[in-house]
Amino acid sequence: MATITRVELQMVDLIPKVKRVDAIQSFVSQETPFVTIYDSDGAVGRGYSYTIGTGGPSVMALLRHSLAPALIGRDPDRIEGIWRDLLFMTHATAVGAITSLALAAIDTALWDMRCRKAGLPLWKAAGGSRAHVPLYTTEGGWLHLETAALVDDAVEMQARGFRGSKIKIGCDHISEDAARLAAVRAAVGDGYEIMTDANQGFTLSEAIRRAQLLQEHGVGWFEEPLPGDDVGAHVELSRHCTVPIAVGESLYSVSQFKDYLQSGAASIVQVDVARIGGITPWLKVAHMAEAFNVMVCPHFLMELHLSLVCAVPNAKWLEYIPQLESITTEPMRIEDGYAVPSNAPGLGIHWDSAGISEKSLFSEIVTEGS
């Protein structure tokens, strides 16, 4: 039986190529923790997660002082057991973002190792439901952009074969959101999907008010209309809104998704592999959503989510927000607006190891006794 002998920890801060502003924040950097796991047979697996500009050092501290040392000597094939043990080991800080992000970096590394050993790409090892998935873009729909820029980007992406665009909403007055949506709809026509995202910026009354506007423009979904921890408010909103309610990027446990699904508070699940704690719980949420006949459309991390949405049968879209070009050797494959997962064994991400090391703000190796 192979055992884990060494864990390498690194963190890179990736600066977005474009300005990203939504209703509550500006996305100025992506602190990206990496975990690389080595076993006694010489196998290697690399995983990662992310923060939006803050919290990265706290994630690295939890990995260094608690989680990475607990991996030494473990059987890397027992992914479910390791994930559960690490969760209970950190029960005083779970459920929460820092713990989930740390667990995700480890869990994705273990899945990468498993797939490499098996000679399988993740999208097949985790289910193999489909060989490609349609893309929608968020990168040209940020809240600070002028209406003309929103229109230009949507038209360009439509010409490239993309099937939809996400427009950030939450302008000071509903009329401003209305004008932006109307302009994009007029430019792309009825056959192109428009999603909207409020980034938790509304009160219940304002979300109910703006729901009517979204219905008028045939919007595909109303994303994060309210604070993610208020399930009851989402239930009430769903009673007033025929547009599908999408939530998930601000939820950090399988049980939180269970509460939304059981109460009918969301009709689209946007589970984020980093914020839920890894591939292991991501698949649980996706299959649970399938049991409720609910679609999965994950948040961010397109390079990793590509394999996962192709693994399960109830994932319709992949969100296009590029962020890893500076630390990968090959881009995500796109054909006529569809993302195509890699058939290489592992996560399907072609890392530039030298580039990661060069850009790393934190680097440490954990071994037995260290």
Protein backbone atom coordinates (compact mmCIF):
# COMPACT_ATOMS: atom_id res chain seq x y z
CA MET A 1 0.00 0.00 0.00
CA ALA A 2 1.35 3.42 -0.97
CA THR A 3 1.40 6.15 1.66
CA ILE A 4 1.73 9.92 1.51
CA THR A 5 5.32 10.93 2.19
CA ARG A 6 5.50 14.62 1.33
CA VAL A 7 3.21 17.61 0.88
CA GLU A 8 4.38 20.78 -0.87
CA LEU A 9 2.51 24.02 -0.14
CA GLN A 10 2.64 27.10 -2.37
CA MET A 11 0.54 30.22 -2.93
CA VAL A 12 0.40 32.42 -6.03
CA ASP A 13 -1.45 35.74 -6.30
CA LEU A 14 -3.00 36.14 -9.75
CA ILE A 15 -4.03 39.62 -10.87
CA PRO A 16 -7.10 39.74 -13.17
CA LYS A 17 -6.45 41.00 -16.70
CA VAL A 18 -9.65 43.07 -16.61
CA LYS A 19 -11.32 45.16 -13.92
CA ARG A 20 -14.02 43.13 -12.12
CA VAL A 21 -16.68 44.95 -10.11
CA ASP A 22 -20.04 43.68 -8.90
CA ALA A 23 -22.73 44.96 -6.54
CA ILE A 24 -20.71 44.43 -3.36
CA GLN A 25 -17.01 44.13 -4.17
CA SER A 26 -14.10 44.59 -6.56
CA PHE A 27 -12.15 41.48 -7.56
CA VAL A 28 -8.57 42.78 -7.43
CA SER A 29 -6.57 39.56 -7.09
CA GLN A 30 -6.86 35.81 -6.77
CA GLU A 31 -4.76 34.32 -4.01
CA THR A 32 -4.32 30.73 -5.16
CA PRO A 33 -3.13 28.07 -2.67
CA PHE A 34 -1.53 24.98 -4.21
CA VAL A 35 -1.08 21.59 -2.57
CA THR A 36 1.15 18.98 -4.24
CA ILE A 37 1.05 15.50 -2.69
CA TYR A 38 3.68 12.78 -3.19
CA ASP A 39 3.32 9.12 -2.24
CA SER A 40 5.78 6.29 -1.60
CA ASP A 41 5.21 4.83 -5.08
CA GLY A 42 6.34 8.07 -6.70
CA ALA A 43 2.87 9.25 -7.70
CA VAL A 44 2.11 12.98 -7.60
CA GLY A 45 -1.14 14.96 -7.43
CA ARG A 46 -1.63 18.72 -7.47
CA GLY A 47 -4.70 20.60 -6.27
CA TYR A 48 -5.67 24.20 -5.66
CA SER A 49 -8.33 26.61 -4.45
CA TYR A 50 -8.62 30.41 -4.34
CA THR A 51 -9.64 33.54 -2.51
CA ILE A 52 -10.75 36.89 -3.93
CA GLY A 53 -7.92 39.05 -2.70
CA THR A 54 -7.86 38.29 1.02
CA GLY A 55 -7.60 35.32 3.35
CA GLY A 56 -4.93 33.37 1.48
CA PRO A 57 -2.32 33.45 4.26
CA SER A 58 -4.94 32.10 6.69
CA VAL A 59 -5.67 29.21 4.34
CA MET A 60 -1.95 28.48 4.07
CA ALA A 61 -1.53 28.58 7.86
CA LEU A 62 -4.30 26.02 8.33
CA LEU A 63 -2.70 23.79 5.71
CA ARG A 64 0.78 24.12 7.15
CA HIS A 65 0.04 23.69 10.84
CA SER A 66 -2.91 21.30 10.84
CA LEU A 67 -4.00 19.64 7.63
CA ALA A 68 -0.81 18.85 5.69
CA PRO A 69 0.93 17.12 8.63
CA ALA A 70 -2.17 14.94 9.11
CA LEU A 71 -1.73 13.58 5.57
CA ILE A 72 1.69 12.05 6.15
CA GLY A 73 1.46 8.24 6.28
CA ARG A 74 -2.13 8.12 4.97
CA ASP A 75 -3.26 5.96 2.07
CA PRO A 76 -3.95 8.50 -0.72
CA ASP A 77 -6.57 6.24 -2.32
CA ARG A 78 -8.87 6.66 0.71
CA ILE A 79 -10.07 10.08 -0.40
CA GLU A 80 -13.46 9.99 1.31
CA GLY A 81 -11.93 8.88 4.61
CA ILE A 82 -9.23 11.55 4.48
CA TRP A 83 -11.75 14.28 3.67
CA ARG A 84 -14.03 13.25 6.53
CA ASP A 85 -11.17 12.96 9.03
CA LEU A 86 -9.77 16.38 8.13
CA LEU A 87 -13.24 17.95 8.40
CA PHE A 88 -13.73 16.62 11.92
CA MET A 89 -10.16 17.48 12.84
CA THR A 90 -11.02 21.12 12.09
CA HIS A 91 -14.58 21.00 13.43
CA ALA A 92 -14.02 24.17 15.49
CA THR A 93 -13.48 26.18 12.28
CA ALA A 94 -16.03 24.41 10.08
CA VAL A 95 -18.33 25.14 8.34
CA GLY A 96 -16.58 28.15 6.85
CA ALA A 97 -14.63 29.54 3.93
CA ILE A 98 -11.07 29.15 5.22
CA THR A 99 -11.50 25.50 6.20
CA SER A 100 -13.35 24.65 2.97
CA LEU A 101 -10.71 26.32 0.80
CA ALA A 102 -7.93 24.42 2.57
CA LEU A 103 -9.78 21.11 2.30
CA ALA A 104 -10.43 21.75 -1.39
CA ALA A 105 -6.75 22.19 -2.21
CA ILE A 106 -6.01 18.82 -0.59
CA ASP A 107 -9.02 16.99 -1.99
CA THR A 108 -8.38 18.12 -5.58
CA ALA A 109 -4.75 17.01 -5.25
CA LEU A 110 -5.86 13.55 -4.11
CA TRP A 111 -8.31 13.25 -7.02
CA ASP A 112 -5.56 14.36 -9.40
CA MET A 113 -3.29 11.64 -8.03
CA ARG A 114 -6.03 9.01 -8.24
CA CYS A 115 -6.81 9.86 -11.86
CA ARG A 116 -3.15 9.90 -12.84
CA LYS A 117 -2.63 6.47 -11.29
CA ALA A 118 -5.67 5.12 -13.11
CA GLY A 119 -4.69 6.75 -16.40
CA LEU A 120 -8.05 8.53 -16.58
CA PRO A 121 -9.10 12.16 -16.98
CA LEU A 122 -11.20 13.48 -14.11
CA TRP A 123 -14.29 13.97 -16.28
CA LYS A 124 -14.38 10.24 -17.00
CA ALA A 125 -13.28 9.04 -13.55
CA ALA A 126 -16.04 11.07 -11.88
CA GLY A 127 -18.83 9.97 -14.22
CA GLY A 128 -18.15 10.75 -17.88
CA SER A 129 -21.63 12.04 -18.69
CA ARG A 130 -20.73 14.27 -21.68
CA ALA A 131 -17.74 15.18 -23.83
CA HIS A 132 -18.31 18.96 -24.00
CA VAL A 133 -20.40 21.73 -22.41
CA PRO A 134 -21.68 25.11 -23.67
CA LEU A 135 -20.06 28.27 -22.33
CA TYR A 136 -21.52 31.52 -21.11
CA THR A 137 -19.30 34.50 -20.38
CA THR A 138 -19.17 36.71 -17.30
CA GLU A 139 -15.97 38.55 -18.16
CA GLY A 140 -17.69 41.28 -20.19
CA GLY A 141 -20.66 41.90 -17.93
CA TRP A 142 -19.21 43.65 -14.86
CA LEU A 143 -21.25 46.32 -13.10
CA HIS A 144 -18.87 49.23 -13.72
CA LEU A 145 -18.96 48.79 -17.51
CA GLU A 146 -20.94 51.17 -19.69
CA THR A 147 -23.94 49.78 -21.55
CA ALA A 148 -22.15 50.02 -24.92
CA ALA A 149 -19.33 47.84 -23.59
CA LEU A 150 -21.81 45.21 -22.37
CA VAL A 151 -23.41 45.13 -25.81
CA ASP A 152 -20.09 44.91 -27.65
CA ASP A 153 -18.88 42.02 -25.51
CA ALA A 154 -22.12 40.04 -25.81
CA VAL A 155 -22.18 40.46 -29.59
CA GLU A 156 -18.53 39.41 -29.86
CA MET A 157 -19.01 36.33 -27.69
CA GLN A 158 -22.15 35.36 -29.58
CA ALA A 159 -20.12 35.53 -32.81
CA ARG A 160 -17.53 33.23 -31.23
CA GLY A 161 -20.21 30.61 -30.60
CA PHE A 162 -20.93 31.29 -26.92
CA ARG A 163 -24.53 30.62 -25.95
CA GLY A 164 -24.98 33.27 -23.26
CA SER A 165 -23.66 36.23 -21.25
CA LYS A 166 -24.02 37.14 -17.60
CA ILE A 167 -24.80 40.76 -16.75
CA LYS A 168 -24.15 42.07 -13.26
CA ILE A 169 -27.12 43.97 -11.81
CA GLY A 170 -27.53 46.20 -8.77
CA CYS A 171 -27.37 49.72 -10.19
CA ASP A 172 -28.69 52.47 -7.93
CA HIS A 173 -32.05 52.52 -9.68
CA ILE A 174 -33.99 49.76 -11.37
CA SER A 175 -34.24 51.86 -14.54
CA GLU A 176 -30.46 51.63 -15.00
CA ASP A 177 -30.50 47.84 -14.83
CA ALA A 178 -33.49 47.87 -17.20
CA ALA A 179 -31.67 49.96 -19.80
CA ARG A 180 -28.58 47.75 -19.69
CA LEU A 181 -30.55 44.53 -20.08
CA ALA A 182 -32.75 45.95 -22.83
CA ALA A 183 -29.73 47.06 -24.86
CA VAL A 184 -28.05 43.66 -24.63
CA ARG A 185 -31.27 41.82 -25.49
CA ALA A 186 -31.87 44.04 -28.51
CA ALA A 187 -28.33 43.36 -29.75
CA VAL A 188 -28.23 39.56 -29.34
CA GLY A 189 -31.85 38.65 -30.06
CA ASP A 190 -34.08 36.10 -28.38
CA GLY A 191 -31.99 33.01 -29.03
CA TYR A 192 -29.09 34.08 -26.83
CA GLU A 193 -29.27 33.49 -23.06
CA ILE A 194 -28.82 36.40 -20.66
CA MET A 195 -28.10 35.55 -17.03
CA THR A 196 -28.09 38.14 -14.23
CA ASP A 197 -26.13 38.28 -10.97
CA ALA A 198 -26.87 40.56 -8.00
CA ASN A 199 -24.02 39.22 -5.82
CA GLN A 200 -26.21 39.24 -2.67
CA GLY A 201 -26.76 42.98 -3.04
CA PHE A 202 -30.56 43.26 -2.62
CA THR A 203 -33.01 43.31 0.23
CA LEU A 204 -35.99 40.98 -0.14
CA SER A 205 -38.33 43.79 -1.15
CA GLU A 206 -35.94 45.11 -3.80
CA ALA A 207 -35.30 41.60 -5.15
CA ILE A 208 -39.07 41.07 -5.52
CA ARG A 209 -39.32 44.43 -7.27
CA ARG A 210 -36.55 43.67 -9.76
CA ALA A 211 -37.77 40.14 -10.44
CA GLN A 212 -40.50 41.54 -12.67
CA LEU A 213 -37.87 43.36 -14.74
CA LEU A 214 -35.91 40.14 -15.26
CA GLN A 215 -39.04 38.31 -16.38
CA GLU A 216 -39.71 40.98 -19.00
CA HIS A 217 -36.30 40.45 -20.60
CA GLY A 218 -36.42 36.63 -20.61
CA VAL A 219 -33.49 36.32 -18.23
CA GLY A 220 -32.07 32.81 -17.72
CA TRP A 221 -31.57 33.13 -13.99
CA PHE A 222 -31.47 35.54 -11.05
CA GLU A 223 -28.18 34.77 -9.29
CA GLU A 224 -27.48 35.51 -5.62
CA PRO A 225 -30.31 38.02 -5.21
CA LEU A 226 -30.02 37.96 -1.39
CA PRO A 227 -27.49 37.09 1.34
CA GLY A 228 -26.67 33.40 0.97
CA ASP A 229 -27.37 32.52 4.60
CA ASP A 230 -31.03 33.62 4.40
CA VAL A 231 -32.85 30.56 3.10
CA GLY A 232 -36.26 31.85 4.21
CA ALA A 233 -35.94 35.04 2.17
CA HIS A 234 -35.09 32.99 -0.92
CA VAL A 235 -38.19 30.87 -0.34
CA GLU A 236 -40.31 34.03 -0.20
CA LEU A 237 -38.65 35.47 -3.31
CA SER A 238 -39.28 32.26 -5.26
CA ARG A 239 -43.00 32.71 -4.62
CA HIS A 240 -42.89 36.07 -6.43
CA CYS A 241 -40.48 35.21 -9.23
CA THR A 242 -40.83 33.00 -12.30
CA VAL A 243 -37.15 33.51 -13.19
CA PRO A 244 -35.03 30.63 -11.82
CA ILE A 245 -33.20 31.53 -8.59
CA ALA A 246 -29.52 30.53 -8.61
CA VAL A 247 -27.42 30.19 -5.44
CA GLY A 248 -24.35 28.35 -4.26
CA GLU A 249 -21.07 30.23 -4.52
CA SER A 250 -21.47 31.49 -0.93
CA LEU A 251 -22.43 28.11 0.56
CA TYR A 252 -19.80 25.96 2.25
CA SER A 253 -21.37 22.60 3.10
CA VAL A 254 -23.49 19.85 1.60
CA SER A 255 -26.07 20.44 4.32
CA GLN A 256 -26.55 24.07 3.33
CA PHE A 257 -27.43 22.99 -0.20
CA LYS A 258 -29.79 20.39 1.26
CA ASP A 259 -31.68 23.15 3.08
CA TYR A 260 -32.10 25.16 -0.12
CA LEU A 261 -33.23 22.17 -2.15
CA GLN A 262 -35.65 20.82 0.45
CA SER A 263 -37.31 24.20 0.89
CA GLY A 264 -37.53 24.97 -2.82
CA ALA A 265 -35.45 28.12 -2.35
CA ALA A 266 -33.28 27.60 -5.44
CA SER A 267 -33.84 26.05 -8.84
CA ILE A 268 -30.21 26.31 -10.02
CA VAL A 269 -27.28 25.16 -7.87
CA GLN A 270 -23.96 26.98 -8.36
CA VAL A 271 -21.75 24.85 -6.15
CA ASP A 272 -18.12 26.00 -6.20
CA VAL A 273 -15.57 23.18 -5.89
CA ALA A 274 -13.21 25.34 -3.79
CA ARG A 275 -15.81 26.79 -1.45
CA ILE A 276 -17.60 23.48 -0.85
CA GLY A 277 -14.29 21.83 0.12
CA GLY A 278 -13.27 19.85 -2.93
CA ILE A 279 -14.38 17.38 -5.57
CA THR A 280 -15.63 14.87 -3.00
CA PRO A 281 -18.41 17.13 -1.59
CA TRP A 282 -18.99 18.81 -5.00
CA LEU A 283 -20.12 15.50 -6.46
CA LYS A 284 -22.41 14.90 -3.48
CA VAL A 285 -24.13 18.24 -4.07
CA ALA A 286 -24.44 17.65 -7.82
CA HIS A 287 -26.03 14.23 -7.34
CA MET A 288 -28.32 15.55 -4.62
CA ALA A 289 -29.44 18.33 -6.97
CA GLU A 290 -30.13 15.71 -9.64
CA ALA A 291 -32.46 13.94 -7.23
CA PHE A 292 -34.41 17.21 -6.94
CA ASN A 293 -34.37 17.66 -10.76
CA VAL A 294 -32.25 20.80 -10.32
CA MET A 295 -29.54 21.99 -12.70
CA VAL A 296 -25.91 22.49 -11.60
CA CYS A 297 -24.07 25.54 -13.02
CA PRO A 298 -20.91 26.03 -10.95
CA HIS A 299 -19.26 29.30 -10.00
CA PHE A 300 -15.84 30.38 -11.34
CA LEU A 301 -12.77 28.03 -11.61
CA MET A 302 -13.75 27.06 -15.15
CA GLU A 303 -10.58 25.04 -15.78
CA LEU A 304 -11.45 22.65 -12.92
CA HIS A 305 -15.22 22.81 -13.17
CA LEU A 306 -15.03 21.82 -16.84
CA SER A 307 -14.25 18.22 -15.89
CA LEU A 308 -16.90 18.17 -13.19
CA VAL A 309 -19.76 19.50 -15.32
CA CYS A 310 -18.87 16.93 -17.95
CA ALA A 311 -18.92 14.20 -15.29
CA VAL A 312 -22.55 14.67 -14.18
CA PRO A 313 -25.80 14.63 -16.19
CA ASN A 314 -27.50 17.72 -14.72
CA ALA A 315 -24.94 20.43 -15.56
CA LYS A 316 -25.97 22.64 -18.48
CA TRP A 317 -23.42 25.48 -18.49
CA LEU A 318 -19.81 26.37 -17.72
CA GLU A 319 -18.95 29.93 -16.66
CA TYR A 320 -16.17 31.54 -18.69
CA ILE A 321 -13.81 33.64 -16.54
CA PRO A 322 -10.19 32.97 -17.56
CA GLN A 323 -7.62 33.30 -14.78
CA LEU A 324 -4.90 30.63 -15.04
CA GLU A 325 -3.14 31.50 -18.31
CA SER A 326 0.01 32.79 -16.61
CA ILE A 327 0.60 29.49 -14.75
CA THR A 328 -0.51 26.93 -17.35
CA THR A 329 1.13 25.73 -20.53
CA GLU A 330 -2.07 25.09 -22.49
CA PRO A 331 -5.38 26.99 -22.45
CA MET A 332 -8.75 25.38 -21.90
CA ARG A 333 -9.93 23.93 -25.20
CA ILE A 334 -12.89 25.77 -26.77
CA GLU A 335 -14.65 24.71 -29.97
CA ASP A 336 -17.54 26.78 -31.36
CA GLY A 337 -18.55 28.05 -27.94
CA TYR A 338 -18.21 24.68 -26.23
CA ALA A 339 -15.56 23.80 -23.65
CA VAL A 340 -13.94 20.41 -24.22
CA PRO A 341 -12.27 18.61 -21.28
CA SER A 342 -8.77 17.25 -21.58
CA ASN A 343 -8.28 13.51 -21.98
CA ALA A 344 -4.95 13.66 -20.16
CA PRO A 345 -4.93 11.74 -16.86
CA GLY A 346 -5.68 13.97 -13.85
CA LEU A 347 -7.59 17.20 -13.40
CA GLY A 348 -7.06 18.17 -17.03
CA ILE A 349 -5.10 21.34 -16.21
CA HIS A 350 -1.63 21.68 -17.75
CA TRP A 351 0.30 23.43 -14.99
CA ASP A 352 3.47 25.41 -15.57
CA SER A 353 5.33 24.17 -12.50
CA ALA A 354 8.27 26.51 -13.04
CA GLY A 355 5.89 29.45 -13.38
CA ILE A 356 4.08 28.54 -10.18
CA SER A 357 7.36 28.30 -8.27
CA GLU A 358 8.58 31.59 -9.72
CA LYS A 359 5.40 33.43 -8.73
CA SER A 360 4.92 31.73 -5.36
CA LEU A 361 4.60 34.01 -2.33
CA PHE A 362 4.70 31.07 0.06
CA SER A 363 6.50 27.76 -0.26
CA GLU A 364 7.00 25.00 2.29
CA ILE A 365 7.43 21.24 2.28
CA VAL A 366 5.84 19.07 4.97
CA THR A 367 7.27 15.63 5.67
CA GLU A 368 7.21 13.25 8.61
CA GLY A 369 8.55 15.01 11.68
CA SER A 370 8.67 18.45 10.05
